[in-house]
């Protein structure tokens, strides 16, 4: 018990003991209660309880340990479309429904890129690498695809009307039911390409390697009759 608590004794202890002495036990109990309340003395322990004594103990809430290299499960994952510009690499991205109409994408890389329902009308894709790109139902009307590499591209039902495919490589590409009306294919390579059901009205075929490997110049400047892959 500290000195400050002992100084309370003259205050709480009567100057004269009341009579009879039979009340002494009760008095001692009252004094003890006052000391416990004022000084924090635990009966029978001789020590003062800490500031949290008597309060129920609660365990701290468990905290998740972050795993290095992994984002928090509640953290939003920011996703943004890349800005169209020349020489940009967008390989293997999912750009479904993207609007790149009129964009300058010269020499850009779209290797294996998902461009289903994308709007690339009027875009400059000259010299672009689009090998294995998925362009199902894509709009490429009026686009410049000169010297672009579209080998193995999936262009089923794509709209390429009025596009410039001069010198483009379309080896093994799938152009089934695509709109190729008024397209320039001069110097293009179509070896192994699938053009079944495609609209070929107004196509120019100068020096084209046809799907069966024949040269259009050897067949009157057209690939008509040589559209089945060899």
Protein backbone atom coordinates (compact mmCIF):
# COMPACT_ATOMS: atom_id res chain seq x y z
CA UNK A 1 0.00 0.00 0.00
CA UNK A 2 1.45 3.41 -1.00
CA UNK A 3 1.98 6.37 1.29
CA UNK A 4 -0.95 8.26 -0.23
CA UNK A 5 -3.26 5.48 0.79
CA UNK A 6 -1.88 5.44 4.37
CA UNK A 7 -2.60 9.17 4.57
CA UNK A 8 -6.27 8.32 4.18
CA UNK A 9 -6.34 6.45 7.49
CA UNK A 10 -6.82 9.55 9.69
CA UNK A 11 -9.71 10.55 7.48
CA UNK A 12 -11.58 7.28 7.41
CA UNK A 13 -10.56 6.00 10.88
CA UNK A 14 -12.55 7.53 13.80
CA UNK A 15 -10.53 9.44 16.42
CA UNK A 16 -12.17 7.40 19.14
CA UNK A 17 -13.34 3.85 18.92
CA UNK A 18 -17.07 3.62 19.45
CA UNK A 19 -18.32 1.53 22.27
CA UNK A 20 -19.05 -1.21 22.63
CA UNK A 21 -16.11 -2.96 20.97
CA UNK A 22 -18.54 -5.40 19.38
CA UNK A 23 -18.86 -3.10 16.41
CA UNK A 24 -15.09 -3.25 15.69
CA UNK A 25 -15.26 -6.06 13.11
CA UNK A 26 -17.86 -4.15 11.12
CA UNK A 27 -15.78 -1.00 11.32
CA UNK A 28 -12.69 -2.79 10.07
CA UNK A 29 -14.65 -4.16 7.12
CA UNK A 30 -15.89 -0.68 6.25
CA UNK A 31 -12.37 0.76 6.38
CA UNK A 32 -11.08 -2.04 4.18
CA UNK A 33 -13.78 -1.39 1.61
CA UNK A 34 -12.86 2.31 1.51
CA UNK A 35 -9.18 1.49 1.02
CA UNK A 36 -9.97 -0.93 -1.78
CA UNK A 37 -12.10 1.63 -3.54
CA UNK A 38 -9.66 4.52 -3.06
CA UNK A 39 -6.33 2.78 -3.49
CA UNK A 40 -7.12 -0.18 -5.71
CA UNK A 41 -5.90 -2.73 -3.16
CA UNK A 42 -7.08 -6.23 -3.92
CA UNK A 43 -8.11 -8.01 -0.75
CA UNK A 44 -5.58 -10.60 0.28
CA UNK A 45 -3.23 -9.86 -2.61
CA UNK A 46 -1.22 -6.90 -1.38
CA UNK A 47 -0.97 -5.56 -4.95
CA UNK A 48 -2.71 -2.88 -6.91
CA UNK A 49 -4.58 -4.04 -10.01
CA UNK A 50 -3.69 -2.58 -13.34
CA UNK A 51 -5.90 -0.12 -15.18
CA UNK A 52 -7.75 -2.93 -16.96
CA UNK A 53 -8.35 -5.10 -13.94
CA UNK A 54 -11.89 -6.33 -13.69
CA UNK A 55 -12.57 -5.72 -17.36
CA UNK A 56 -13.35 -8.65 -19.63
CA UNK A 57 -10.44 -9.64 -21.84
CA UNK A 58 -11.06 -9.58 -25.57
CA UNK A 59 -8.76 -11.14 -28.10
CA UNK A 60 -7.59 -8.85 -30.92
CA UNK A 61 -9.21 -9.49 -34.28
CA UNK A 62 -7.01 -11.60 -36.53
CA UNK A 63 -5.31 -9.68 -39.30
CA UNK A 64 -4.65 -11.17 -42.72
CA UNK A 65 -1.03 -11.60 -43.61
CA UNK A 66 -0.48 -10.38 -47.19
CA UNK A 67 1.12 -12.81 -49.55
CA UNK A 68 4.03 -11.28 -51.44
CA UNK A 69 3.18 -10.70 -55.08
CA UNK A 70 -0.59 -11.10 -54.60
CA UNK A 71 -3.09 -8.29 -54.46
CA UNK A 72 -5.41 -7.93 -51.49
CA UNK A 73 -8.59 -9.97 -52.11
CA UNK A 74 -10.66 -6.83 -51.53
CA UNK A 75 -8.47 -4.49 -53.56
CA UNK A 76 -9.99 -3.52 -56.90
CA UNK A 77 -7.97 -4.49 -59.92
CA UNK A 78 -7.61 -1.50 -62.17
CA UNK A 79 -8.15 -2.23 -65.81
CA UNK A 80 -7.87 0.36 -68.50
CA UNK A 81 -7.80 0.24 -72.27
CA UNK A 82 -4.44 1.06 -73.81
CA UNK A 83 -4.16 4.32 -75.68
CA UNK A 84 -3.96 3.84 -79.44
CA UNK A 85 -0.64 4.97 -80.85
CA UNK A 86 1.91 3.76 -83.39
CA UNK A 87 4.27 0.92 -82.44
CA UNK A 88 2.26 -0.05 -79.34
CA UNK A 89 2.22 -3.70 -78.21
CA UNK A 90 -1.25 -5.00 -77.34
CA UNK A 91 -0.51 -8.69 -77.68
CA UNK A 92 -2.87 -11.13 -75.92
CA UNK A 93 -5.11 -8.40 -74.54
CA UNK A 94 -8.89 -8.75 -74.42
CA UNK A 95 -10.07 -5.71 -76.38
CA UNK A 96 -13.55 -6.99 -77.13
CA UNK A 97 -15.74 -4.15 -78.37
CA UNK A 98 -12.92 -1.60 -78.28
CA UNK A 99 -13.39 1.56 -80.34
CA UNK A 100 -10.18 2.38 -82.23
CA UNK A 101 -11.95 3.92 -85.22
CA UNK A 102 -9.66 6.27 -87.11
CA UNK A 103 -6.75 5.53 -84.75
CA UNK A 104 -3.12 5.65 -85.80
CA UNK A 105 -1.87 2.14 -85.03
CA UNK A 106 0.94 1.83 -87.57
CA UNK A 107 3.36 -1.03 -86.86
CA UNK A 108 1.49 -1.95 -83.68
CA UNK A 109 1.41 -5.53 -82.42
CA UNK A 110 -1.85 -7.39 -81.85
CA UNK A 111 -0.46 -10.92 -81.66
CA UNK A 112 -3.25 -13.17 -80.35
CA UNK A 113 -5.31 -10.13 -79.32
CA UNK A 114 -9.05 -10.59 -78.81
CA UNK A 115 -10.72 -7.92 -80.95
CA UNK A 116 -14.18 -9.43 -81.32
CA UNK A 117 -16.79 -6.78 -82.27
CA UNK A 118 -14.05 -4.12 -82.22
CA UNK A 119 -14.45 -0.93 -84.24
CA UNK A 120 -11.30 -0.37 -86.28
CA UNK A 121 -12.99 1.39 -89.15
CA UNK A 122 -10.72 3.90 -90.85
CA UNK A 123 -7.80 2.96 -88.57
CA UNK A 124 -4.24 3.01 -89.88
CA UNK A 125 -2.92 -0.51 -89.24
CA UNK A 126 -0.26 -0.46 -91.93
CA UNK A 127 2.64 -2.72 -91.04
CA UNK A 128 0.81 -4.04 -87.98
CA UNK A 129 1.47 -7.54 -86.63
CA UNK A 130 -1.97 -9.11 -86.17
CA UNK A 131 -0.94 -12.75 -86.36
CA UNK A 132 -3.49 -14.95 -84.63
CA UNK A 133 -5.71 -12.00 -83.74
CA UNK A 134 -9.41 -12.74 -83.19
CA UNK A 135 -11.46 -10.27 -85.23
CA UNK A 136 -14.86 -11.97 -85.28
CA UNK A 137 -17.53 -9.47 -86.40
CA UNK A 138 -14.95 -6.67 -86.23
CA UNK A 139 -15.46 -3.49 -88.23
CA UNK A 140 -12.42 -2.75 -90.39
CA UNK A 141 -14.25 -0.86 -93.10
CA UNK A 142 -11.97 1.60 -94.84
CA UNK A 143 -8.98 0.62 -92.67
CA UNK A 144 -5.42 0.71 -94.00
CA UNK A 145 -3.82 -2.71 -93.59
CA UNK A 146 -1.02 -2.33 -96.12
CA UNK A 147 1.84 -4.74 -95.41
CA UNK A 148 0.06 -5.93 -92.25
CA UNK A 149 0.62 -9.51 -91.13
CA UNK A 150 -2.73 -11.21 -90.52
CA UNK A 151 -1.46 -14.78 -90.69
CA UNK A 152 -3.82 -17.13 -88.89
CA UNK A 153 -6.18 -14.30 -87.94
CA UNK A 154 -9.82 -15.19 -87.27
CA UNK A 155 -11.85 -12.69 -89.31
CA UNK A 156 -15.15 -14.53 -89.64
CA UNK A 157 -17.98 -12.12 -90.57
CA UNK A 158 -15.61 -9.15 -90.30
CA UNK A 159 -16.41 -6.05 -92.33
CA UNK A 160 -13.38 -5.12 -94.45
CA UNK A 161 -15.29 -3.26 -97.13
CA UNK A 162 -13.17 -0.62 -98.83
CA UNK A 163 -10.07 -1.59 -96.78
CA UNK A 164 -6.58 -1.43 -98.27
CA UNK A 165 -4.85 -4.80 -97.88
CA UNK A 166 -2.10 -4.13 -100.40
CA UNK A 167 0.88 -6.35 -99.61
CA UNK A 168 -0.86 -7.83 -96.57
CA UNK A 169 -0.10 -11.39 -95.47
CA UNK A 170 -3.27 -13.42 -94.83
CA UNK A 171 -1.76 -16.88 -94.90
CA UNK A 172 -4.07 -19.34 -93.17
CA UNK A 173 -6.48 -16.59 -92.13
CA UNK A 174 -10.18 -17.36 -91.77
CA UNK A 175 -12.31 -14.88 -93.73
CA UNK A 176 -15.48 -16.93 -93.90
CA UNK A 177 -18.59 -14.80 -94.59
CA UNK A 178 -16.46 -11.65 -94.36
CA UNK A 179 -17.28 -8.52 -96.34
CA UNK A 180 -14.36 -7.89 -98.70
CA UNK A 181 -16.24 -5.75 -101.20
CA UNK A 182 -14.08 -3.17 -102.97
CA UNK A 183 -10.96 -4.31 -101.09
CA UNK A 184 -7.52 -3.90 -102.61
CA UNK A 185 -5.59 -7.17 -102.31
CA UNK A 186 -2.79 -6.20 -104.71
CA UNK A 187 0.35 -8.13 -103.83
CA UNK A 188 -1.34 -9.82 -100.88
CA UNK A 189 -0.64 -13.39 -99.82
CA UNK A 190 -3.73 -15.52 -99.29
CA UNK A 191 -2.13 -18.96 -99.31
CA UNK A 192 -4.25 -21.35 -97.24
CA UNK A 193 -6.81 -18.66 -96.39
CA UNK A 194 -10.49 -19.58 -96.05
CA UNK A 195 -12.69 -17.22 -98.09
CA UNK A 196 -15.81 -19.38 -98.20
CA UNK A 197 -18.96 -17.29 -98.22
CA UNK A 198 -17.03 -14.01 -98.39
CA UNK A 199 -18.33 -11.05 -100.39
CA UNK A 200 -15.64 -10.44 -103.04
CA UNK A 201 -17.44 -7.91 -105.21
CA UNK A 202 -15.08 -5.29 -106.62
CA UNK A 203 -11.88 -6.85 -105.22
CA UNK A 204 -8.63 -6.05 -107.04
CA UNK A 205 -6.33 -9.07 -107.34
CA UNK A 206 -3.09 -7.88 -108.94
CA UNK A 207 -0.14 -10.21 -108.17
CA UNK A 208 -2.08 -11.96 -105.41
CA UNK A 209 -1.06 -15.36 -104.10
CA UNK A 210 -4.40 -17.15 -104.14
CA UNK A 211 -5.57 -19.53 -101.39
CA UNK A 212 -4.54 -22.52 -103.50
CA UNK A 213 -1.05 -21.08 -104.03
CA UNK A 214 -1.66 -19.91 -107.61
CA UNK A 215 -0.82 -16.36 -108.71
CA UNK A 216 -3.77 -14.22 -109.79
CA UNK A 217 -1.79 -12.78 -112.69
CA UNK A 218 -1.68 -16.24 -114.23
CA UNK A 219 -5.47 -16.42 -114.23
CA UNK A 220 -6.58 -13.17 -115.76
CA UNK A 221 -5.90 -11.01 -112.71
CA UNK A 222 -8.23 -12.81 -110.38
CA UNK A 223 -8.30 -15.59 -107.80
CA UNK A 224 -11.81 -16.62 -108.78
CA UNK A 225 -11.73 -20.38 -109.23
CA UNK A 226 -8.67 -20.62 -106.97
CA UNK A 227 -10.24 -19.74 -103.64
CA UNK A 228 -10.02 -23.20 -102.07
CA UNK A 229 -6.88 -23.71 -99.97
CA UNK A 230 -4.47 -26.10 -101.68
